[in-house]
Amino acid sequence: MKVHFTPPNFKYLLPFAFLLLPFFTRAASILIPMDEEQKDHLKSYGIAFWTLKNGEEVEWLLNYRGGSFMTKYDKKIEDECKIRGVSYEVLADAKVNEIITEVSDPSVNMDVIKLEKAPKMAVYSPKNKLPWDDAVTLVLKYAEIPYDVVYDEEVIRGDLPKYDWLHLHHEDFTGQYSKFYGAFRYAQWYNDDVKIQEETARKLGFKKVSQMKLAVAQHIRDFCAGGGFLFAMCSGTDTFDIALAAANTDICGPMFDGDSADPDAQSKLDFTQTFAFQNFVLDMNPTSHQFSNIDVTATRQIERTRDFFTLFDFSAKWDVVPSMLTQNHDKVIKGFMGLTTAFNKKLLKPGVTIMGEMKTNNEARYIHGEYGKGQWTFYGGHDPEDYQHIVGDPPTDLKLHPNSPGYRLILNNVLFPAARKKKQKT
């Protein structure tokens, strides 16, 4: 029997071929570049966080195009990038493989870190309105990264273990009300804050605000020791360590807590209790804005036009943690002041990693370390895009600064806890 083969009519098959074409040429990944091609660096972190919240992994390409993010293609992610105004590139498999090969090459200072789960975020911040803002809450809102607000009651109640990451708002853990007594003791907001703090202390069973703040600092210390990630700016950095060191003495004058400070307070400081600083000298003058000589604000003689600090270059394959925390499209960052502006390098503990410094002035601006199972980062200054933020100034409009290198350092810390744990090489 002879079988006749009838060739297919390609005229009718052609439309089906075009219908199937997208399935074979579909893009494999979305790249969010973090170099100068990115329209909005800050909202890019929000896209990465949003992707993690929706159960997808994100690859952080350390030192590749400014620390870019890459995730598998999903139209929802692409649409979200468009909605938020974030630059992105759609990549096919071949290009993805080319990038992974490049960053994995042992001869280049790049690496791939997998971000697996969005961290649960908390910001330690007062519930009452004060005449200043906080850079971290500003950028979290701008990047659309969700967080909970906690303060003394929640911390004392033991809520911190619910969270992975904690930011310390512009704060004074010594109980001296940010040492605003000299300039603002007659201001209504200052007196209202004192009243609220005193009422909270009594409610929580403390005789003094300084005792309550010490207990809060100790709870935060324990949170970090248990594996939490701590990020602090401005006076939330040095006053945290000062409070821990002064646990067994009284450093507050009568205008702060109703009785005199211990005249031997300096000699009773216990530097074994601190995270970052040691051998510092307290400033016991109640009208001074300084807490100790940790902060160099009062002594630095730097013109604004010359006020910059430089980020260190770390090995992405060997020094993974500081590499993540310093990802940026610019290694020279504009300086900015605060109640605590920068740290005296001579007072840093051994083992503290300096990630940003002004070498000519011997000051550290951005530092990191480990405590117990957790890690902490301290960043000097108040607002990376407001050089000298004054009490009562309006908050920074981040729509005007979507590519801020200084604000990027904050957001590096936000994503840091999402990284798959990778042992540091020795």
Protein backbone atom coordinates (compact mmCIF):
# COMPACT_ATOMS: atom_id res chain seq x y z
CA MET A 1 0.00 0.00 0.00
CA LYS A 2 1.36 3.34 -0.98
CA VAL A 3 1.15 6.13 1.57
CA HIS A 4 0.93 9.68 0.28
CA PHE A 5 2.43 12.46 2.45
CA THR A 6 0.64 15.79 2.17
CA PRO A 7 2.88 18.70 3.24
CA PRO A 8 1.32 21.11 5.74
CA ASN A 9 -0.16 24.31 4.48
CA PHE A 10 2.19 26.87 6.03
CA LYS A 11 -0.22 29.59 5.11
CA TYR A 12 -2.49 28.40 7.91
CA LEU A 13 0.28 27.42 10.36
CA LEU A 14 2.03 30.79 10.25
CA PRO A 15 -0.41 32.60 12.62
CA PHE A 16 0.03 29.80 15.16
CA ALA A 17 3.79 30.16 14.96
CA PHE A 18 3.52 33.83 15.85
CA LEU A 19 1.26 32.93 18.78
CA LEU A 20 3.85 30.48 20.09
CA LEU A 21 6.82 32.79 19.52
CA PRO A 22 6.54 34.65 22.87
CA PHE A 23 6.77 31.34 24.77
CA PHE A 24 10.14 30.58 23.20
CA THR A 25 11.59 34.09 23.34
CA ARG A 26 10.11 35.12 26.69
CA ALA A 27 12.55 37.15 28.80
CA ALA A 28 14.07 35.25 31.74
CA SER A 29 14.80 38.07 34.15
CA ILE A 30 14.32 41.70 35.09
CA LEU A 31 17.44 43.72 35.89
CA ILE A 32 17.13 46.88 37.98
CA PRO A 33 20.35 48.77 37.23
CA MET A 34 21.78 50.84 40.08
CA ASP A 35 24.35 52.85 38.18
CA GLU A 36 23.82 56.28 36.58
CA GLU A 37 21.20 54.78 34.25
CA GLN A 38 18.74 54.42 37.12
CA LYS A 39 16.06 57.16 37.27
CA ASP A 40 15.14 56.51 40.92
CA HIS A 41 17.67 54.65 43.04
CA LEU A 42 15.64 54.99 46.23
CA LYS A 43 12.41 53.53 44.86
CA SER A 44 14.46 50.68 43.37
CA TYR A 45 15.02 49.35 46.88
CA GLY A 46 11.27 49.47 47.35
CA ILE A 47 10.80 47.30 44.26
CA ALA A 48 13.31 44.77 45.63
CA PHE A 49 11.49 44.75 48.99
CA TRP A 50 8.09 44.45 47.28
CA THR A 51 9.35 41.49 45.25
CA LEU A 52 10.55 39.74 48.41
CA LYS A 53 7.24 40.45 50.15
CA ASN A 54 5.52 38.70 47.26
CA GLY A 55 7.51 35.53 47.77
CA GLU A 56 10.12 35.91 45.03
CA GLU A 57 13.89 35.90 45.46
CA VAL A 58 16.06 38.82 44.41
CA GLU A 59 19.72 38.57 43.42
CA TRP A 60 21.86 41.45 44.59
CA LEU A 61 24.73 41.85 42.12
CA LEU A 62 27.44 43.36 44.30
CA ASN A 63 29.58 45.91 42.49
CA TYR A 64 27.83 45.21 39.17
CA ARG A 65 26.55 48.50 37.78
CA GLY A 66 26.32 50.12 41.19
CA GLY A 67 24.92 47.09 43.01
CA SER A 68 22.06 46.13 40.70
CA PHE A 69 19.11 43.84 41.50
CA MET A 70 17.92 40.96 39.36
CA THR A 71 14.86 38.73 39.65
CA LYS A 72 13.04 36.30 37.40
CA TYR A 73 10.66 37.89 34.95
CA ASP A 74 7.15 38.58 36.17
CA LYS A 75 4.80 41.00 34.47
CA LYS A 76 3.61 42.18 37.90
CA ILE A 77 7.17 43.24 38.78
CA GLU A 78 7.57 44.96 35.41
CA ASP A 79 4.28 46.81 35.92
CA GLU A 80 5.34 47.85 39.42
CA CYS A 81 8.59 49.29 38.05
CA LYS A 82 6.59 51.33 35.56
CA ILE A 83 4.17 52.57 38.23
CA ARG A 84 6.97 53.64 40.58
CA GLY A 85 9.18 55.16 37.88
CA VAL A 86 12.05 52.71 38.35
CA SER A 87 14.36 51.98 35.42
CA TYR A 88 14.59 48.30 34.47
CA GLU A 89 15.86 46.06 31.70
CA VAL A 90 14.29 42.86 30.43
CA LEU A 91 16.93 40.17 29.91
CA ALA A 92 16.89 36.88 28.03
CA ASP A 93 18.55 33.75 29.43
CA ALA A 94 21.76 34.24 27.47
CA LYS A 95 22.33 37.72 28.90
CA VAL A 96 21.52 36.55 32.45
CA ASN A 97 24.06 33.75 32.14
CA GLU A 98 26.62 36.22 30.81
CA ILE A 99 26.10 38.51 33.84
CA ILE A 100 26.30 35.65 36.36
CA THR A 101 29.50 34.40 34.71
CA GLU A 102 30.99 37.89 34.87
CA VAL A 103 30.23 38.59 38.53
CA SER A 104 31.26 35.07 39.61
CA ASP A 105 34.68 35.32 37.98
CA PRO A 106 37.28 35.01 40.80
CA SER A 107 39.40 37.73 39.18
CA VAL A 108 36.75 40.49 39.50
CA ASN A 109 35.51 42.25 42.65
CA MET A 110 31.85 41.25 42.24
CA ASP A 111 29.53 38.63 43.67
CA VAL A 112 25.91 37.49 43.75
CA ILE A 113 23.97 37.54 47.01
CA LYS A 114 20.50 36.01 47.19
CA LEU A 115 17.87 38.01 49.04
CA GLU A 116 15.25 35.53 50.20
CA LYS A 117 12.74 37.05 52.60
CA ALA A 118 11.62 40.60 53.34
CA PRO A 119 12.66 41.50 56.91
CA LYS A 120 10.04 42.64 59.40
CA MET A 121 10.83 46.29 60.09
CA ALA A 122 10.49 48.46 63.17
CA VAL A 123 11.40 52.09 63.79
CA TYR A 124 11.96 53.27 67.36
CA SER A 125 10.29 56.67 67.25
CA PRO A 126 8.23 58.86 69.63
CA LYS A 127 4.49 58.97 69.14
CA ASN A 128 4.27 62.70 69.94
CA LYS A 129 5.09 65.27 67.27
CA LEU A 130 8.53 66.87 67.56
CA PRO A 131 9.92 69.72 65.43
CA TRP A 132 12.26 67.56 63.37
CA ASP A 133 11.94 64.62 61.03
CA ASP A 134 13.92 61.42 60.61
CA ALA A 135 15.80 60.52 57.43
CA VAL A 136 15.06 56.81 57.76
CA THR A 137 11.29 57.15 58.06
CA LEU A 138 11.36 59.66 55.19
CA VAL A 139 13.14 57.25 52.86
CA LEU A 140 11.13 54.21 53.94
CA LYS A 141 7.92 56.06 53.11
CA TYR A 142 9.34 57.33 49.82
CA ALA A 143 10.52 53.84 48.81
CA GLU A 144 7.17 52.38 49.98
CA ILE A 145 8.79 49.96 52.41
CA PRO A 146 6.41 49.07 55.28
CA TYR A 147 7.45 49.35 58.92
CA ASP A 148 5.96 49.43 62.42
CA VAL A 149 6.59 52.23 64.92
CA VAL A 150 7.65 51.16 68.40
CA TYR A 151 8.72 53.25 71.37
CA ASP A 152 9.48 52.82 75.05
CA GLU A 153 6.30 50.99 76.02
CA GLU A 154 6.61 48.41 73.24
CA VAL A 155 10.32 47.87 73.89
CA ILE A 156 9.89 47.42 77.66
CA ARG A 157 6.93 45.13 76.98
CA GLY A 158 9.26 42.85 75.02
CA ASP A 159 8.03 43.38 71.46
CA LEU A 160 11.43 43.61 69.74
CA PRO A 161 11.90 39.85 69.07
CA LYS A 162 8.95 40.12 66.65
CA TYR A 163 11.19 42.08 64.28
CA ASP A 164 14.29 41.43 62.19
CA TRP A 165 15.45 45.04 61.82
CA LEU A 166 15.28 48.07 64.10
CA HIS A 167 16.12 51.70 63.42
CA LEU A 168 16.78 54.16 66.22
CA HIS A 169 15.14 57.52 65.51
CA HIS A 170 17.02 60.70 66.39
CA GLU A 171 17.10 59.89 70.11
CA ASP A 172 18.85 60.46 73.44
CA PHE A 173 19.21 57.29 75.50
CA THR A 174 20.95 59.12 78.37
CA GLY A 175 17.76 60.81 79.61
CA GLN A 176 19.00 64.35 78.92
CA TYR A 177 16.33 65.19 76.32
CA SER A 178 18.90 65.50 73.52
CA LYS A 179 20.62 68.20 75.58
CA PHE A 180 18.27 70.81 74.15
CA TYR A 181 17.95 72.39 77.59
CA GLY A 182 20.34 75.25 76.84
CA ALA A 183 18.56 76.44 73.69
CA PHE A 184 14.95 75.25 74.04
CA ARG A 185 14.04 74.91 77.73
CA TYR A 186 11.33 77.56 77.33
CA ALA A 187 9.90 76.10 74.11
CA GLN A 188 6.47 74.50 74.41
CA TRP A 189 7.45 71.40 72.43
CA TYR A 190 10.42 70.80 74.72
CA ASN A 191 8.37 71.02 77.91
CA ASP A 192 5.62 68.87 76.41
CA ASP A 193 8.17 66.20 75.53
CA VAL A 194 9.66 66.25 79.05
CA LYS A 195 6.19 65.84 80.53
CA ILE A 196 5.31 62.92 78.23
CA GLN A 197 8.61 61.17 78.89
CA GLU A 198 8.23 61.55 82.67
CA GLU A 199 4.66 60.25 82.59
CA THR A 200 5.73 57.25 80.50
CA ALA A 201 8.59 56.46 82.88
CA ARG A 202 6.24 56.47 85.89
CA LYS A 203 3.70 54.36 84.01
CA LEU A 204 6.37 51.76 83.26
CA GLY A 205 7.61 51.71 86.87
CA PHE A 206 10.72 53.91 86.63
CA LYS A 207 11.55 56.82 88.92
CA LYS A 208 13.53 58.66 86.24
CA VAL A 209 13.47 58.99 82.47
CA SER A 210 17.19 58.14 82.42
CA GLN A 211 16.42 54.80 84.09
CA MET A 212 13.72 54.06 81.54
CA LYS A 213 15.98 54.94 78.61
CA LEU A 214 18.73 52.72 80.03
CA ALA A 215 16.31 49.81 80.24
CA VAL A 216 15.24 50.49 76.64
CA ALA A 217 18.88 50.54 75.50
CA GLN A 218 19.50 47.24 77.28
CA HIS A 219 16.47 45.65 75.59
CA ILE A 220 17.79 46.87 72.23
CA ARG A 221 21.22 45.44 73.10
CA ASP A 222 19.60 42.08 73.85
CA PHE A 223 17.62 42.26 70.58
CA CYS A 224 20.89 42.63 68.70
CA ALA A 225 22.62 39.92 70.73
CA GLY A 226 19.81 37.54 69.81
CA GLY A 227 20.34 38.04 66.08
CA GLY A 228 18.61 41.34 65.32
CA PHE A 229 19.88 43.98 62.91
CA LEU A 230 20.28 47.47 64.38
CA PHE A 231 20.66 50.70 62.41
CA ALA A 232 21.09 54.10 64.07
CA MET A 233 21.80 57.65 62.94
CA CYS A 234 22.64 60.98 64.57
CA SER A 235 22.44 60.94 68.39
CA GLY A 236 20.87 57.48 68.36
CA THR A 237 24.43 56.21 67.89
CA ASP A 238 26.66 57.69 70.61
CA THR A 239 23.94 58.15 73.27
CA PHE A 240 23.12 54.45 72.97
CA ASP A 241 26.69 53.50 73.88
CA ILE A 242 26.96 56.22 76.54
CA ALA A 243 23.80 54.96 78.28
CA LEU A 244 25.11 51.39 78.32
CA ALA A 245 28.48 52.50 79.68
CA ALA A 246 26.84 54.64 82.39
CA ALA A 247 24.51 51.89 83.65
CA ASN A 248 26.02 51.99 87.16
CA THR A 249 26.21 55.75 87.63
CA ASP A 250 24.20 58.98 87.20
CA ILE A 251 25.32 61.35 84.44
CA CYS A 252 22.20 63.58 84.43
CA GLY A 253 22.15 66.99 86.14
CA PRO A 254 19.19 68.20 88.27
CA MET A 255 17.51 69.99 85.35
CA PHE A 256 17.07 66.57 83.74
CA ASP A 257 16.18 64.22 86.59
CA GLY A 258 15.79 66.29 89.76
CA ASP A 259 19.08 65.37 91.45
CA SER A 260 22.77 65.96 90.86
CA ALA A 261 24.94 63.86 88.63
CA ASP A 262 27.52 61.60 90.22
CA PRO A 263 30.75 63.64 90.45
CA ASP A 264 32.71 60.43 89.81
CA ALA A 265 30.57 59.38 86.84
CA GLN A 266 33.47 59.48 84.37
CA SER A 267 35.52 56.97 86.35
CA LYS A 268 32.53 54.64 86.70
CA LEU A 269 31.88 54.22 82.98
CA ASP A 270 32.05 50.58 81.88
CA PHE A 271 33.28 50.45 78.30
CA THR A 272 32.89 46.66 78.14
CA GLN A 273 29.14 47.23 77.74
CA THR A 274 29.32 49.36 74.57
CA PHE A 275 29.01 48.40 70.90
CA ALA A 276 31.31 50.84 69.11
CA PHE A 277 33.09 53.31 71.39
CA GLN A 278 35.51 53.23 74.31
CA ASN A 279 37.60 55.59 76.46
CA PHE A 280 35.35 58.55 75.67
CA VAL A 281 35.03 61.55 77.98
CA LEU A 282 31.57 62.78 78.97
CA ASP A 283 30.47 66.37 78.45
CA MET A 284 28.61 67.11 81.70
CA ASN A 285 27.75 70.72 80.81
CA PRO A 286 23.90 70.81 80.62
CA THR A 287 23.90 73.74 78.17
CA SER A 288 26.28 72.01 75.75
CA HIS A 289 24.83 70.15 72.76
CA GLN A 290 27.50 67.45 73.00
CA PHE A 291 27.24 64.29 75.07
CA SER A 292 30.93 63.33 74.90
CA ASN A 293 34.00 63.61 72.73
CA ILE A 294 32.78 60.74 70.54
CA ASP A 295 31.11 63.31 68.28
CA VAL A 296 33.43 65.79 66.54
CA THR A 297 30.81 68.42 65.58
CA ALA A 298 32.15 71.10 67.92
CA THR A 299 35.80 70.67 66.93
CA ARG A 300 35.66 70.04 63.18
CA GLN A 301 36.74 72.96 61.00
CA ILE A 302 35.40 71.91 57.61
CA GLU A 303 33.88 74.21 55.02
CA ARG A 304 30.68 72.88 53.48
CA THR A 305 32.23 72.88 50.01
CA ARG A 306 34.94 70.49 51.26
CA ASP A 307 32.73 68.33 53.48
CA PHE A 308 32.75 64.89 51.87
CA PHE A 309 33.49 61.39 53.06
CA THR A 310 34.68 58.39 51.10
CA LEU A 311 33.34 54.85 51.11
CA PHE A 312 35.83 52.03 51.43
CA ASP A 313 36.21 49.42 48.71
CA PHE A 314 35.65 45.96 50.16
CA SER A 315 36.09 42.59 48.52
CA ALA A 316 32.65 41.41 47.43
CA LYS A 317 33.76 37.78 47.64
CA TRP A 318 35.61 38.01 50.95
CA ASP A 319 34.09 40.92 52.91
CA VAL A 320 30.47 40.28 51.99
CA VAL A 321 28.72 42.27 54.74
CA PRO A 322 30.52 45.62 54.33
CA SER A 323 30.33 45.19 50.56
CA MET A 324 26.53 45.00 50.77
CA LEU A 325 26.35 47.99 53.10
CA THR A 326 28.48 50.20 50.84
CA GLN A 327 26.84 49.47 47.47
CA ASN A 328 26.49 52.76 45.62
CA HIS A 329 26.83 54.52 42.30
CA ASP A 330 29.15 57.07 43.92
CA LYS A 331 31.97 56.42 46.39
CA VAL A 332 32.30 60.05 47.49
CA ILE A 333 29.35 61.11 49.64
CA LYS A 334 28.36 64.67 50.56
CA GLY A 335 28.82 65.34 54.26
CA PHE A 336 25.89 66.41 56.42
CA MET A 337 25.64 67.52 60.02
CA GLY A 338 23.51 66.46 62.97
CA LEU A 339 23.37 66.50 66.73
CA THR A 340 25.99 63.80 66.23
CA THR A 341 27.81 64.43 62.95
CA ALA A 342 30.84 62.14 62.88
CA PHE A 343 32.82 59.86 65.16
CA ASN A 344 36.31 60.32 66.58
CA LYS A 345 38.25 57.42 65.08
CA LYS A 346 40.55 57.24 68.11
CA LEU A 347 37.61 56.16 70.28
CA LEU A 348 36.45 53.23 68.15
CA LYS A 349 36.74 49.76 69.65
CA PRO A 350 38.99 47.18 67.99
CA GLY A 351 36.99 45.15 65.52
CA VAL A 352 34.73 48.01 64.43
CA THR A 353 34.66 48.23 60.63
CA ILE A 354 34.95 51.75 59.21
CA MET A 355 32.96 51.84 55.97
CA GLY A 356 33.06 55.60 55.33
CA GLU A 357 35.52 58.20 56.59
CA MET A 358 36.97 61.64 56.13
CA LYS A 359 40.61 60.70 56.41
CA THR A 360 41.94 64.27 56.45
CA ASN A 361 39.91 65.01 59.59
CA ASN A 362 40.43 61.61 61.24
CA GLU A 363 36.68 61.05 61.52
CA ALA A 364 34.50 58.05 60.78
CA ARG A 365 31.04 58.61 59.30
CA TYR A 366 29.72 55.12 58.65
CA ILE A 367 30.69 52.14 60.83
CA HIS A 368 29.61 48.55 61.39
CA GLY A 369 30.11 45.71 63.82
CA GLU A 370 28.75 42.53 65.32
CA TYR A 371 27.21 42.01 68.73
CA GLY A 372 26.31 38.50 69.82
CA LYS A 373 24.44 36.87 66.95
CA GLY A 374 23.36 40.24 65.52
CA GLN A 375 24.89 43.17 63.69
CA TRP A 376 24.71 46.94 63.97
CA THR A 377 25.46 49.95 61.77
CA PHE A 378 25.97 53.54 62.95
CA TYR A 379 25.73 56.44 60.47
CA GLY A 380 26.66 59.96 61.58
CA GLY A 381 24.56 63.00 60.73
CA HIS A 382 20.85 63.77 60.53
CA ASP A 383 19.77 64.03 56.88
CA PRO A 384 21.96 63.18 53.85
CA GLU A 385 20.28 65.85 51.69
CA ASP A 386 19.97 68.64 54.31
CA TYR A 387 23.45 69.80 55.25
CA GLN A 388 22.59 71.49 58.55
CA HIS A 389 19.08 70.51 59.58
CA ILE A 390 17.73 73.02 62.13
CA VAL A 391 14.98 72.31 64.65
CA GLY A 392 11.73 73.33 62.97
CA ASP A 393 12.99 72.95 59.38
CA PRO A 394 10.58 71.26 56.95
CA PRO A 395 11.27 67.64 56.00
CA THR A 396 13.35 66.88 52.92
CA ASP A 397 11.33 66.23 49.77
CA LEU A 398 12.92 63.07 48.39
CA LYS A 399 11.19 63.56 45.04
CA LEU A 400 13.97 66.11 44.54
CA HIS A 401 16.69 63.60 45.48
CA PRO A 402 15.76 60.21 43.94
CA ASN A 403 19.40 59.38 43.25
CA SER A 404 20.88 60.38 46.63
CA PRO A 405 24.05 58.34 47.39
CA GLY A 406 23.76 59.30 51.07
CA TYR A 407 20.23 57.93 51.35
CA ARG A 408 21.26 54.77 49.48
CA LEU A 409 23.46 53.83 52.44
CA ILE A 410 20.37 53.78 54.67
CA LEU A 411 18.51 51.49 52.26
CA ASN A 412 21.46 49.11 51.96
CA ASN A 413 20.88 48.39 55.64
CA VAL A 414 17.17 47.81 55.03
CA LEU A 415 17.83 44.99 52.54
CA PHE A 416 20.85 43.58 54.36
CA PRO A 417 18.83 41.30 56.71
CA ALA A 418 17.12 39.68 53.69
CA ALA A 419 20.41 38.17 52.50
CA ARG A 420 21.05 34.46 52.71
CA LYS A 421 23.61 34.02 55.44
CA LYS A 422 27.03 33.49 53.95
CA LYS A 423 30.05 32.77 56.09
CA GLN A 424 32.79 35.35 55.96
CA LYS A 425 35.98 33.94 54.51
CA THR A 426 39.10 33.98 56.63
